[in-house]
C-alpha atoms as a PDB file:
ATOM      1  CA  MET A   1      19.072   4.657 -46.955  1.00  0.00           C
ATOM      2  CA  ASN A   2      15.955   3.193 -48.260  1.00  0.00           C
ATOM      3  CA  GLY A   3      12.913   5.353 -47.826  1.00  0.00           C
ATOM      4  CA  SER A   4      10.720   2.275 -46.909  1.00  0.00           C
ATOM      5  CA  ASP A   5      13.035   1.368 -43.794  1.00  0.00           C
ATOM      6  CA  THR A   6      12.714   4.778 -42.446  1.00  0.00           C
ATOM      7  CA  ILE A   7      11.346   3.979 -38.817  1.00  0.00           C
ATOM      8  CA  ARG A   8       8.323   6.195 -37.414  1.00  0.00           C
ATOM      9  CA  ILE A   9       8.416   7.042 -33.526  1.00  0.00           C
ATOM     10  CA  ALA A  10       5.076   7.772 -31.644  1.00  0.00           C
ATOM     11  CA  VAL A  11       5.915  10.416 -28.612  1.00  0.00           C
ATOM     12  CA  GLN A  12       3.855  12.742 -26.380  1.00  0.00           C
ATOM     13  CA  LYS A  13       3.002  16.074 -28.268  1.00  0.00           C
ATOM     14  CA  SER A  14       3.637  18.005 -25.224  1.00  0.00           C
ATOM     15  CA  GLY A  15       4.419  17.873 -21.633  1.00  0.00           C
ATOM     16  CA  ARG A  16       7.030  16.522 -19.374  1.00  0.00           C
ATOM     17  CA  LEU A  17       7.023  13.156 -21.217  1.00  0.00           C
ATOM     18  CA  SER A  18       7.314  14.426 -24.512  1.00  0.00           C
ATOM     19  CA  GLU A  19      10.452  16.980 -23.151  1.00  0.00           C
ATOM     20  CA  LYS A  20      12.423  13.818 -21.656  1.00  0.00           C
ATOM     21  CA  SER A  21      11.497  11.706 -24.776  1.00  0.00           C
ATOM     22  CA  LEU A  22      13.018  14.293 -27.504  1.00  0.00           C
ATOM     23  CA  THR A  23      16.256  14.949 -25.085  1.00  0.00           C
ATOM     24  CA  LEU A  24      16.419  11.207 -24.981  1.00  0.00           C
ATOM     25  CA  ILE A  25      16.674  11.257 -29.050  1.00  0.00           C
ATOM     26  CA  GLN A  26      18.302  14.433 -29.164  1.00  0.00           C
ATOM     27  CA  ASP A  27      21.208  12.818 -26.814  1.00  0.00           C
ATOM     28  CA  CYS A  28      21.318   9.950 -29.262  1.00  0.00           C
ATOM     29  CA  GLY A  29      22.807  12.474 -32.289  1.00  0.00           C
ATOM     30  CA  ILE A  30      19.484  12.270 -33.684  1.00  0.00           C
ATOM     31  CA  ASP A  31      18.662  16.001 -35.165  1.00  0.00           C
ATOM     32  CA  TYR A  32      15.390  17.197 -36.347  1.00  0.00           C
ATOM     33  CA  SER A  33      13.376  20.406 -36.905  1.00  0.00           C
ATOM     34  CA  ALA A  34       9.737  20.719 -36.104  1.00  0.00           C
ATOM     35  CA  ASP A  35       7.555  23.692 -34.290  1.00  0.00           C
ATOM     36  CA  THR A  36       4.953  22.554 -32.029  1.00  0.00           C
ATOM     37  CA  ARG A  37       1.790  23.251 -34.825  1.00  0.00           C
ATOM     38  CA  VAL A  38       3.036  20.034 -36.673  1.00  0.00           C
ATOM     39  CA  LEU A  39       2.112  16.232 -36.076  1.00  0.00           C
ATOM     40  CA  LYS A  40       4.900  15.096 -38.020  1.00  0.00           C
ATOM     41  CA  ALA A  41       8.696  15.662 -38.229  1.00  0.00           C
ATOM     42  CA  MET A  42      11.644  14.285 -40.050  1.00  0.00           C
ATOM     43  CA  ALA A  43      15.213  13.498 -38.527  1.00  0.00           C
ATOM     44  CA  ASP A  44      17.914  15.128 -40.413  1.00  0.00           C
ATOM     45  CA  ASN A  45      20.595  12.835 -39.941  1.00  0.00           C
ATOM     46  CA  PHE A  46      19.026   9.219 -39.076  1.00  0.00           C
ATOM     47  CA  PRO A  47      16.207   7.155 -40.892  1.00  0.00           C
ATOM     48  CA  MET A  48      13.419   8.229 -38.461  1.00  0.00           C
ATOM     49  CA  GLU A  49       9.998  10.226 -38.723  1.00  0.00           C
ATOM     50  CA  PHE A  50       8.071  11.575 -35.408  1.00  0.00           C
ATOM     51  CA  LEU A  51       4.793  11.361 -34.860  1.00  0.00           C
ATOM     52  CA  PHE A  52       3.487  13.597 -32.213  1.00  0.00           C
ATOM     53  CA  LEU A  53       0.257  12.568 -30.119  1.00  0.00           C
ATOM     54  CA  ARG A  54      -1.698  12.260 -27.548  1.00  0.00           C
ATOM     55  CA  ASP A  55       0.358   9.715 -25.009  1.00  0.00           C
ATOM     56  CA  ASP A  56      -2.673   7.417 -24.475  1.00  0.00           C
ATOM     57  CA  ASP A  57      -2.754   7.042 -28.332  1.00  0.00           C
ATOM     58  CA  VAL A  58       0.561   5.890 -28.563  1.00  0.00           C
ATOM     59  CA  PRO A  59       0.206   2.468 -27.534  1.00  0.00           C
ATOM     60  CA  GLU A  60      -2.777   1.686 -30.150  1.00  0.00           C
ATOM     61  CA  TYR A  61      -0.697   3.475 -33.077  1.00  0.00           C
ATOM     62  CA  VAL A  62       2.394   1.167 -32.431  1.00  0.00           C
ATOM     63  CA  TYR A  63      -0.050  -1.892 -32.200  1.00  0.00           C
ATOM     64  CA  ASP A  64      -1.768  -0.892 -35.369  1.00  0.00           C
ATOM     65  CA  GLY A  65       1.615  -0.521 -37.084  1.00  0.00           C
ATOM     66  CA  ILE A  66       0.974   3.038 -38.088  1.00  0.00           C
ATOM     67  CA  ALA A  67       4.058   3.516 -35.586  1.00  0.00           C
ATOM     68  CA  ASP A  68       6.673   1.519 -35.566  1.00  0.00           C
ATOM     69  CA  ILE A  69       7.875   2.207 -32.164  1.00  0.00           C
ATOM     70  CA  GLY A  70       7.075   4.650 -29.407  1.00  0.00           C
ATOM     71  CA  ILE A  71       8.122   5.982 -26.397  1.00  0.00           C
ATOM     72  CA  VAL A  72       5.147   6.428 -23.652  1.00  0.00           C
ATOM     73  CA  GLY A  73       4.352   5.427 -19.684  1.00  0.00           C
ATOM     74  CA  LYS A  74       4.155   1.995 -19.110  1.00  0.00           C
ATOM     75  CA  ASN A  75       0.712   2.767 -17.328  1.00  0.00           C
ATOM     76  CA  GLU A  76      -0.812   3.492 -20.545  1.00  0.00           C
ATOM     77  CA  VAL A  77       0.591   0.535 -22.287  1.00  0.00           C
ATOM     78  CA  ASP A  78      -1.010  -1.747 -19.356  1.00  0.00           C
ATOM     79  CA  GLU A  79      -4.097  -0.174 -19.262  1.00  0.00           C
ATOM     80  CA  LYS A  80      -4.841  -0.117 -22.898  1.00  0.00           C
ATOM     81  CA  GLY A  81      -4.037  -3.684 -23.707  1.00  0.00           C
ATOM     82  CA  PHE A  82      -2.849  -3.686 -26.748  1.00  0.00           C
ATOM     83  CA  SER A  83       0.210  -6.197 -27.336  1.00  0.00           C
ATOM     84  CA  VAL A  84       3.330  -4.562 -28.090  1.00  0.00           C
ATOM     85  CA  GLU A  85       6.935  -5.602 -27.393  1.00  0.00           C
ATOM     86  CA  ILE A  86       8.487  -3.575 -24.281  1.00  0.00           C
ATOM     87  CA  LEU A  87      11.987  -3.013 -26.064  1.00  0.00           C
ATOM     88  CA  ARG A  88      13.574  -0.439 -22.633  1.00  0.00           C
ATOM     89  CA  ASP A  89      12.277   0.999 -19.415  1.00  0.00           C
ATOM     90  CA  LEU A  90      13.904   4.239 -20.028  1.00  0.00           C
ATOM     91  CA  GLY A  91      13.808   5.192 -16.169  1.00  0.00           C
ATOM     92  CA  PHE A  92      12.467   8.474 -16.570  1.00  0.00           C
ATOM     93  CA  SER A  93       8.836  10.174 -16.107  1.00  0.00           C
ATOM     94  CA  ARG A  94       8.482   7.618 -12.956  1.00  0.00           C
ATOM     95  CA  CYS A  95       5.193   7.850 -11.174  1.00  0.00           C
ATOM     96  CA  ARG A  96       3.171   5.807  -9.246  1.00  0.00           C
ATOM     97  CA  LEU A  97      -0.476   4.851  -8.959  1.00  0.00           C
ATOM     98  CA  SER A  98      -2.203   4.774  -5.451  1.00  0.00           C
ATOM     99  CA  VAL A  99      -5.543   4.050  -3.392  1.00  0.00           C
ATOM    100  CA  ALA A 100      -6.354   7.289  -1.415  1.00  0.00           C
ATOM    101  CA  VAL A 101      -9.461   7.673   1.046  1.00  0.00           C
ATOM    102  CA  PRO A 102     -10.956  10.420   2.746  1.00  0.00           C
ATOM    103  CA  ASN A 103      -8.869  12.097   5.651  1.00  0.00           C
ATOM    104  CA  THR A 104     -11.684  10.495   7.926  1.00  0.00           C
ATOM    105  CA  THR A 105     -11.780   7.065   6.664  1.00  0.00           C
ATOM    106  CA  VAL A 106      -9.431   4.133   8.903  1.00  0.00           C
ATOM    107  CA  TYR A 107      -7.647   2.366   6.610  1.00  0.00           C
ATOM    108  CA  ALA A 108      -5.681  -0.778   7.876  1.00  0.00           C
ATOM    109  CA  GLY A 109      -4.390  -2.564   4.258  1.00  0.00           C
ATOM    110  CA  ILE A 110      -6.627  -3.545   0.988  1.00  0.00           C
ATOM    111  CA  GLU A 111      -8.616  -5.876   2.346  1.00  0.00           C
ATOM    112  CA  ASP A 112     -10.683  -3.138   3.702  1.00  0.00           C
ATOM    113  CA  LEU A 113     -11.601  -2.144  -0.235  1.00  0.00           C
ATOM    114  CA  GLN A 114     -13.455  -5.125  -0.276  1.00  0.00           C
ATOM    115  CA  GLY A 115     -16.815  -4.088  -1.473  1.00  0.00           C
ATOM    116  CA  ARG A 116     -16.252  -0.427  -1.529  1.00  0.00           C
ATOM    117  CA  SER A 117     -16.619   1.596  -4.608  1.00  0.00           C
ATOM    118  CA  ILE A 118     -13.652   2.790  -5.795  1.00  0.00           C
ATOM    119  CA  ALA A 119     -13.336   5.595  -8.865  1.00  0.00           C
ATOM    120  CA  THR A 120     -10.364   5.837 -11.403  1.00  0.00           C
ATOM    121  CA  SER A 121      -9.081   6.389 -14.469  1.00  0.00           C
ATOM    122  CA  TYR A 122      -7.201   3.133 -14.906  1.00  0.00           C
ATOM    123  CA  PRO A 123      -9.687   0.388 -14.559  1.00  0.00           C
ATOM    124  CA  ASN A 124      -7.744  -2.568 -15.911  1.00  0.00           C
ATOM    125  CA  ILE A 125      -4.735  -1.336 -13.799  1.00  0.00           C
ATOM    126  CA  LEU A 126      -6.500  -1.429 -10.883  1.00  0.00           C
ATOM    127  CA  THR A 127      -8.618  -4.616 -11.871  1.00  0.00           C
ATOM    128  CA  SER A 128      -5.375  -6.540 -12.182  1.00  0.00           C
ATOM    129  CA  CYS A 129      -4.383  -5.169  -8.644  1.00  0.00           C
ATOM    130  CA  LEU A 130      -7.310  -6.105  -7.154  1.00  0.00           C
ATOM    131  CA  LYS A 131      -7.479  -9.750  -8.386  1.00  0.00           C
ATOM    132  CA  GLU A 132      -4.107 -10.373  -7.273  1.00  0.00           C
ATOM    133  CA  GLN A 133      -5.047  -9.547  -3.609  1.00  0.00           C
ATOM    134  CA  ASN A 134      -8.292 -11.672  -3.801  1.00  0.00           C
ATOM    135  CA  VAL A 135     -10.361  -8.559  -3.587  1.00  0.00           C
ATOM    136  CA  ASP A 136     -13.622  -7.380  -5.083  1.00  0.00           C
ATOM    137  CA  ALA A 137     -14.685  -3.605  -5.221  1.00  0.00           C
ATOM    138  CA  ASP A 138     -17.078  -1.589  -7.463  1.00  0.00           C
ATOM    139  CA  ILE A 139     -15.055   0.253  -9.773  1.00  0.00           C
ATOM    140  CA  HIS A 140     -16.606   3.332 -11.304  1.00  0.00           C
ATOM    141  CA  VAL A 141     -14.742   4.970 -14.478  1.00  0.00           C
ATOM    142  CA  VAL A 142     -14.540   8.228 -14.625  1.00  0.00           C
ATOM    143  CA  SER A 143     -11.895  10.523 -16.562  1.00  0.00           C
ATOM    144  CA  GLY A 144     -10.598  13.545 -15.394  1.00  0.00           C
ATOM    145  CA  SER A 145     -10.708  15.206 -11.610  1.00  0.00           C
ATOM    146  CA  VAL A 146     -10.931  11.715 -10.121  1.00  0.00           C
ATOM    147  CA  GLU A 147     -10.257  13.590  -6.864  1.00  0.00           C
ATOM    148  CA  ILE A 148     -13.913  14.746  -6.069  1.00  0.00           C
ATOM    149  CA  ALA A 149     -15.540  11.425  -6.367  1.00  0.00           C
ATOM    150  CA  PRO A 150     -15.373  10.918  -2.848  1.00  0.00           C
ATOM    151  CA  THR A 151     -16.786  14.007  -1.697  1.00  0.00           C
ATOM    152  CA  ILE A 152     -19.754  13.919  -4.019  1.00  0.00           C
ATOM    153  CA  GLY A 153     -20.412  10.742  -2.921  1.00  0.00           C
ATOM    154  CA  LEU A 154     -19.544   8.787  -6.305  1.00  0.00           C
ATOM    155  CA  ALA A 155     -17.041   6.817  -4.742  1.00  0.00           C
ATOM    156  CA  ASP A 156     -15.572   5.415  -1.185  1.00  0.00           C
ATOM    157  CA  ALA A 157     -11.538   5.445  -2.179  1.00  0.00           C
ATOM    158  CA  ILE A 158     -10.257   6.675  -5.675  1.00  0.00           C
ATOM    159  CA  PHE A 159      -7.257   5.104  -7.596  1.00  0.00           C
ATOM    160  CA  ASP A 160      -4.882   7.680  -9.568  1.00  0.00           C
ATOM    161  CA  ILE A 161      -1.831   9.016 -10.308  1.00  0.00           C
ATOM    162  CA  VAL A 162       0.055  10.468  -7.412  1.00  0.00           C
ATOM    163  CA  SER A 163       3.222  12.440  -7.551  1.00  0.00           C
ATOM    164  CA  THR A 164       3.569  15.388  -4.772  1.00  0.00           C
ATOM    165  CA  GLY A 165       0.110  14.528  -3.324  1.00  0.00           C
ATOM    166  CA  SER A 166      -0.926  18.133  -3.205  1.00  0.00           C
ATOM    167  CA  THR A 167      -4.111  17.697  -4.839  1.00  0.00           C
ATOM    168  CA  LEU A 168      -5.133  14.916  -2.595  1.00  0.00           C
ATOM    169  CA  ILE A 169      -4.799  17.162   0.197  1.00  0.00           C
ATOM    170  CA  SER A 170      -6.455  19.917  -1.263  1.00  0.00           C
ATOM    171  CA  ASN A 171      -9.283  17.663  -1.772  1.00  0.00           C
ATOM    172  CA  GLY A 172      -9.430  16.304   1.899  1.00  0.00           C
ATOM    173  CA  LEU A 173      -7.815  13.063   0.538  1.00  0.00           C
ATOM    174  CA  LYS A 174      -4.568  10.526   2.060  1.00  0.00           C
ATOM    175  CA  GLU A 175      -2.763   8.550  -0.089  1.00  0.00           C
ATOM    176  CA  VAL A 176      -3.226   5.237   1.522  1.00  0.00           C
ATOM    177  CA  ASP A 177      -1.773   2.459  -0.784  1.00  0.00           C
ATOM    178  CA  VAL A 178       0.813   2.454  -4.019  1.00  0.00           C
ATOM    179  CA  LEU A 179      -0.557  -0.505  -6.197  1.00  0.00           C
ATOM    180  CA  TYR A 180       1.066  -0.001  -9.179  1.00  0.00           C
ATOM    181  CA  HIS A 181       4.779   2.010 -10.551  1.00  0.00           C
ATOM    182  CA  SER A 182       5.230   3.559 -13.870  1.00  0.00           C
ATOM    183  CA  SER A 183       7.762   5.094 -16.152  1.00  0.00           C
ATOM    184  CA  ALA A 184       8.853   5.648 -19.603  1.00  0.00           C
ATOM    185  CA  VAL A 185       9.021   2.683 -21.839  1.00  0.00           C
ATOM    186  CA  LEU A 186      10.279   2.063 -25.489  1.00  0.00           C
ATOM    187  CA  ILE A 187       8.058   0.229 -27.118  1.00  0.00           C
ATOM    188  CA  CYS A 188       7.301  -1.660 -30.711  1.00  0.00           C
ATOM    189  CA  ARG A 189       5.039  -3.391 -32.562  1.00  0.00           C
ATOM    190  CA  LYS A 190       5.581  -7.426 -32.470  1.00  0.00           C
ATOM    191  CA  ASP A 191       5.571  -8.350 -35.887  1.00  0.00           C
ATOM    192  CA  LEU A 192       8.205  -5.569 -37.122  1.00  0.00           C
ATOM    193  CA  GLU A 193      11.206  -7.851 -37.436  1.00  0.00           C
ATOM    194  CA  ARG A 194       9.260 -10.308 -39.692  1.00  0.00           C
ATOM    195  CA  LEU A 195       7.401  -7.664 -41.938  1.00  0.00           C
ATOM    196  CA  HIS A 196      10.162  -4.742 -42.139  1.00  0.00           C
ATOM    197  CA  PRO A 197      13.615  -6.209 -41.309  1.00  0.00           C
ATOM    198  CA  GLY A 198      15.035  -3.140 -42.585  1.00  0.00           C
ATOM    199  CA  LYS A 199      13.449  -1.338 -40.133  1.00  0.00           C
ATOM    200  CA  PHE A 200      14.034  -3.633 -37.711  1.00  0.00           C
ATOM    201  CA  ARG A 201      17.700  -3.101 -38.158  1.00  0.00           C
ATOM    202  CA  ASN A 202      17.009   0.529 -37.678  1.00  0.00           C
ATOM    203  CA  VAL A 203      15.624   0.198 -34.577  1.00  0.00           C
ATOM    204  CA  SER A 204      18.354  -1.749 -33.687  1.00  0.00           C
ATOM    205  CA  ARG A 205      20.620   0.928 -34.153  1.00  0.00           C
ATOM    206  CA  LEU A 206      18.610   3.542 -32.160  1.00  0.00           C
ATOM    207  CA  LEU A 207      18.850   0.687 -29.059  1.00  0.00           C
ATOM    208  CA  VAL A 208      22.625   0.839 -29.370  1.00  0.00           C
ATOM    209  CA  ARG A 209      22.593   4.395 -28.982  1.00  0.00           C
ATOM    210  CA  ILE A 210      19.671   4.715 -26.112  1.00  0.00           C
ATOM    211  CA  ASP A 211      21.700   1.897 -24.371  1.00  0.00           C
ATOM    212  CA  ALA A 212      24.765   3.967 -24.690  1.00  0.00           C
ATOM    213  CA  VAL A 213      23.064   7.087 -23.387  1.00  0.00           C
ATOM    214  CA  MET A 214      21.060   5.657 -20.519  1.00  0.00           C
ATOM    215  CA  ARG A 215      24.446   3.552 -19.025  1.00  0.00           C
ATOM    216  CA  ALA A 216      26.572   6.617 -19.236  1.00  0.00           C
ATOM    217  CA  LYS A 217      24.005   8.346 -16.735  1.00  0.00           C
ATOM    218  CA  HIS A 218      25.172   5.547 -14.126  1.00  0.00           C
ATOM    219  CA  TYR A 219      28.533   6.148 -14.342  1.00  0.00           C
ATOM    220  CA  LYS A 220      30.992   8.816 -13.436  1.00  0.00           C
ATOM    221  CA  TYR A 221      34.720   9.367 -15.208  1.00  0.00           C
ATOM    222  CA  ILE A 222      37.052   9.641 -12.641  1.00  0.00           C
ATOM    223  CA  LEU A 223      40.792  11.108 -12.938  1.00  0.00           C
ATOM    224  CA  PHE A 224      43.709  11.362  -9.941  1.00  0.00           C
ATOM    225  CA  ASN A 225      47.019  11.293  -8.957  1.00  0.00           C
ATOM    226  CA  LEU A 226      48.185   8.995  -6.384  1.00  0.00           C
ATOM    227  CA  PRO A 227      51.334   7.312  -4.928  1.00  0.00           C
ATOM    228  CA  GLU A 228      52.160   4.765  -6.635  1.00  0.00           C
ATOM    229  CA  GLU A 229      52.331   1.899  -3.859  1.00  0.00           C
ATOM    230  CA  HIS A 230      48.877   2.147  -3.588  1.00  0.00           C
ATOM    231  CA  ILE A 231      47.905   1.273  -6.991  1.00  0.00           C
ATOM    232  CA  GLU A 232      46.868  -2.359  -6.107  1.00  0.00           C
ATOM    233  CA  GLU A 233      44.772  -1.199  -3.230  1.00  0.00           C
ATOM    234  CA  VAL A 234      42.946   0.998  -5.621  1.00  0.00           C
ATOM    235  CA  SER A 235      42.400  -1.556  -8.503  1.00  0.00           C
ATOM    236  CA  ARG A 236      40.325  -3.378  -5.978  1.00  0.00           C
ATOM    237  CA  ILE A 237      38.321  -0.557  -4.960  1.00  0.00           C
ATOM    238  CA  ILE A 238      37.760   1.109  -8.329  1.00  0.00           C
ATOM    239  CA  PRO A 239      38.386  -2.005 -11.257  1.00  0.00           C
ATOM    240  CA  GLY A 240      36.717   0.110 -14.250  1.00  0.00           C
ATOM    241  CA  MET A 241      35.273  -1.625 -17.153  1.00  0.00           C
ATOM    242  CA  LYS A 242      38.504  -3.438 -17.183  1.00  0.00           C
ATOM    243  CA  SER A 243      41.036  -1.937 -14.884  1.00  0.00           C
ATOM    244  CA  PRO A 244      42.417   1.459 -14.388  1.00  0.00           C
ATOM    245  CA  THR A 245      44.125   3.283 -17.052  1.00  0.00           C
ATOM    246  CA  VAL A 246      47.624   4.351 -15.322  1.00  0.00           C
ATOM    247  CA  THR A 247      50.404   6.578 -16.583  1.00  0.00           C
ATOM    248  CA  PRO A 248      53.381   7.746 -14.932  1.00  0.00           C
ATOM    249  CA  LEU A 249      53.470  10.880 -13.735  1.00  0.00           C
ATOM    250  CA  TYR A 250      57.348  13.412 -14.046  1.00  0.00           C
ATOM    251  CA  THR A 251      57.288  13.256 -10.264  1.00  0.00           C
ATOM    252  CA  LYS A 252      58.964   9.718  -9.371  1.00  0.00           C
ATOM    253  CA  GLY A 253      56.740   7.613  -7.660  1.00  0.00           C
ATOM    254  CA  TRP A 254      53.483   9.053  -8.428  1.00  0.00           C
ATOM    255  CA  ILE A 255      50.963   8.018 -11.019  1.00  0.00           C
ATOM    256  CA  SER A 256      48.047   9.334 -12.775  1.00  0.00           C
ATOM    257  CA  VAL A 257      44.714   6.804 -12.881  1.00  0.00           C
ATOM    258  CA  GLN A 258      41.376   6.992 -14.998  1.00  0.00           C
ATOM    259  CA  THR A 259      38.934   4.891 -14.591  1.00  0.00           C
ATOM    260  CA  VAL A 260      34.819   5.124 -14.482  1.00  0.00           C
ATOM    261  CA  VAL A 261      32.722   4.470 -11.226  1.00  0.00           C
ATOM    262  CA  ASN A 262      29.281   3.372 -10.818  1.00  0.00           C
ATOM    263  CA  GLU A 263      26.892   6.426  -9.591  1.00  0.00           C
ATOM    264  CA  ASP A 264      25.675   4.127  -6.524  1.00  0.00           C
ATOM    265  CA  VAL A 265      28.992   4.161  -5.033  1.00  0.00           C
ATOM    266  CA  PHE A 266      30.500   7.124  -6.107  1.00  0.00           C
ATOM    267  CA  TRP A 267      31.048   8.840  -3.049  1.00  0.00           C
ATOM    268  CA  GLU A 268      32.325   5.808  -0.914  1.00  0.00           C
ATOM    269  CA  VAL A 269      35.144   5.342  -3.533  1.00  0.00           C
ATOM    270  CA  LEU A 270      35.890   9.227  -3.101  1.00  0.00           C
ATOM    271  CA  GLU A 271      36.511   8.451   0.499  1.00  0.00           C
ATOM    272  CA  ALA A 272      38.818   5.774   0.247  1.00  0.00           C
ATOM    273  CA  LEU A 273      40.786   7.327  -2.774  1.00  0.00           C
ATOM    274  CA  LYS A 274      41.434  10.546  -0.178  1.00  0.00           C
ATOM    275  CA  GLU A 275      42.129   7.980   2.594  1.00  0.00           C
ATOM    276  CA  LEU A 276      45.016   6.740   0.235  1.00  0.00           C
ATOM    277  CA  GLY A 277      46.422   9.798  -0.342  1.00  0.00           C
ATOM    278  CA  ALA A 278      44.370  10.589  -4.076  1.00  0.00           C
ATOM    279  CA  GLN A 279      45.090  14.057  -5.044  1.00  0.00           C
ATOM    280  CA  GLY A 280      43.729  16.815  -7.733  1.00  0.00           C
ATOM    281  CA  ILE A 281      41.029  14.033  -7.986  1.00  0.00           C
ATOM    282  CA  LEU A 282      38.687  15.384 -11.110  1.00  0.00           C
ATOM    283  CA  VAL A 283      35.310  14.106 -11.609  1.00  0.00           C
ATOM    284  CA  THR A 284      33.112  14.361 -14.557  1.00  0.00           C
ATOM    285  CA  SER A 285      30.170  13.146 -16.145  1.00  0.00           C
ATOM    286  CA  ILE A 286      29.845  10.889 -19.189  1.00  0.00           C
ATOM    287  CA  GLU A 287      28.009  11.506 -22.201  1.00  0.00           C
ATOM    288  CA  LYS A 288      27.970   7.695 -23.730  1.00  0.00           C
ATOM    289  CA  MET A 289      29.429   4.590 -22.685  1.00  0.00           C
ATOM    290  CA  THR A 290      29.398   1.281 -24.103  1.00  0.00           C
ATOM    291  CA  ASP A 291      30.575  -1.803 -23.061  1.00  0.00           C
END
């Protein structure tokens, strides 16, 4: 493989997003070795170089072309405002950005923020959200410890990332309005295909692997024995990717059925199979899955 076609991927150096990003890469069959002190690493079996960065630096590195692709929270992409392409919503590291006010504050809706002062580390996202609702507020940009702003009289409310809400409670605040949802996304510099077609081909190869890993997470593989007379009913319940795989058993009148079931309807399907007399039901996770 041409060394100039090696793609650089920017990921968070440490933290939950970093762990899940690297797990995804490893699930794609890409191996690398690095310790926590290094900021760069090469993959052993794929044309990829890792850059380990602060998460809020990832969008800029991709925009500037220092990295070709990156994994980062969508909130960082929207807040920084750099023009990059979102290739995939990866679905993990979900969070929400919410308005919180002191426990004693009466809040009836977003219109109550009109003319109020709001402290946040995400002024661009907040400005966009308020503009959509025709609300004009005074935004105070702070970095870290946003929750203390109402207590010291800096702001009437805050707009910040909320997970469990325990930090809000400990600071005498309550979550009153969710304005924005975020999750990890895979981003790419917009001109990559034109400037580096070889790198873009390798990004496409990576996407095939990511799609296979992500798709598998939504399905279960099931294997069970069934009275042959019920096969038509079962095929309507779980058609699988095209149709169930059916194998005759040594016992006359019985068949073995293999198929995949979407996680969203798995338990309903399992109950229906039991009602039709299915036996020996085996359920396993799927590691990779393609169309």
